[in-house]
Protein backbone atom coordinates (compact mmCIF):
# COMPACT_ATOMS: atom_id res chain seq x y z
CA MET A 1 29.20 178.39 94.35
CA PRO A 2 32.12 180.73 93.62
CA THR A 3 31.82 184.40 94.57
CA SER A 4 32.97 187.44 92.63
CA ASP A 5 35.70 187.69 95.30
CA ASP A 6 37.04 184.16 94.43
CA PHE A 7 37.12 185.10 90.81
CA VAL A 8 39.06 188.39 91.38
CA SER A 9 41.44 186.61 93.63
CA ARG A 10 42.23 184.02 91.08
CA ALA A 11 42.52 186.46 88.20
CA VAL A 12 44.88 188.65 90.24
CA ALA A 13 47.14 186.00 91.22
CA ASP A 14 47.60 184.58 87.71
CA LYS A 15 49.01 187.50 85.80
CA PHE A 16 51.20 190.41 85.68
CA MET A 17 49.61 193.88 86.32
CA ASP A 18 50.39 197.21 84.93
CA ALA A 19 50.35 200.54 87.10
CA ARG A 20 46.62 201.24 86.66
CA GLU A 21 45.60 197.75 87.78
CA ILE A 22 48.01 197.91 90.92
CA ALA A 23 46.54 201.42 91.68
CA ALA A 24 43.01 200.00 91.55
CA LEU A 25 44.15 197.02 93.60
CA LEU A 26 45.76 199.28 96.42
CA ASN A 27 43.03 201.96 96.08
CA VAL A 28 45.80 204.77 95.30
CA PRO A 29 46.31 207.07 92.45
CA VAL A 30 48.42 205.69 89.44
CA THR A 31 50.72 208.55 90.04
CA TRP A 32 51.55 206.96 93.52
CA VAL A 33 52.31 203.71 92.09
CA ARG A 34 54.60 205.23 89.43
CA GLU A 35 56.44 207.37 91.91
CA HIS A 36 57.02 204.28 94.29
CA THR A 37 58.21 202.37 91.26
CA ARG A 38 60.73 205.01 90.23
CA ASN A 39 61.95 205.13 93.79
CA GLY A 40 62.25 201.34 94.04
CA ARG A 41 59.85 201.20 96.93
CA ILE A 42 57.38 198.87 95.38
CA PRO A 43 58.35 195.48 93.77
CA HIS A 44 58.22 195.60 89.92
CA ILE A 45 59.52 193.85 86.91
CA LYS A 46 60.95 195.63 83.81
CA PHE A 47 60.30 194.12 80.43
CA GLY A 48 62.22 196.48 78.33
CA ARG A 49 60.41 199.77 78.46
CA TYR A 50 57.33 198.14 80.00
CA VAL A 51 57.04 197.80 83.81
CA ARG A 52 54.75 195.23 85.28
CA TYR A 53 53.96 194.08 88.87
CA ASP A 54 53.50 190.55 90.10
CA SER A 55 50.39 190.69 92.16
CA LYS A 56 51.58 188.21 94.76
CA ASP A 57 54.88 190.27 95.28
CA VAL A 58 52.99 193.45 95.67
CA LEU A 59 50.49 191.91 98.10
CA ALA A 60 53.39 190.54 100.20
CA TRP A 61 54.99 193.92 100.09
CA VAL A 62 51.76 195.31 101.38
CA GLU A 63 51.83 192.86 104.35
CA GLU A 64 55.27 194.10 105.19
CA GLN A 65 54.11 197.66 105.35
CA LYS A 66 51.53 196.96 108.02
CA SER A 67 52.47 198.57 111.23
CA GLY A 68 51.13 198.21 114.68
CA GLY A 69 52.00 197.30 118.25
CA ALA A 70 54.98 199.66 117.84
CA ARG A 71 56.21 201.71 120.79
CA TRP A 72 53.91 204.55 121.46
CA ARG A 73 56.72 206.81 122.12
CA THR A 74 59.35 207.51 119.58
CA TYR A 75 61.20 210.33 121.57
CA VAL A 76 63.13 209.03 124.45
CA PRO A 77 64.75 211.88 126.47
CA ARG A 78 68.42 211.72 127.50
CA PRO A 79 69.10 211.79 131.08
CA GLY A 80 70.09 215.12 132.29
CA PRO A 81 73.66 216.19 133.69
CA ARG A 82 74.25 214.91 137.04
CA GLY A 83 75.63 217.00 139.86
């Protein structure tokens, strides 16, 4: 028997979404989505004056944003003067 998650996954994958829907999907404010759209950070499509998002592209972008397993130390001291 299909679950509500199956229905949501199928619905999300089959349509373009607006900023409000992407904000709900990512659990972030709509202003965050619009700011990242303006800055070109989140994948989007322009249809004239309308901006839409392909949910598959956005979810792939989210996967790219995941971090982990990085070096724990970002500062690497330079060797001191020899002498």
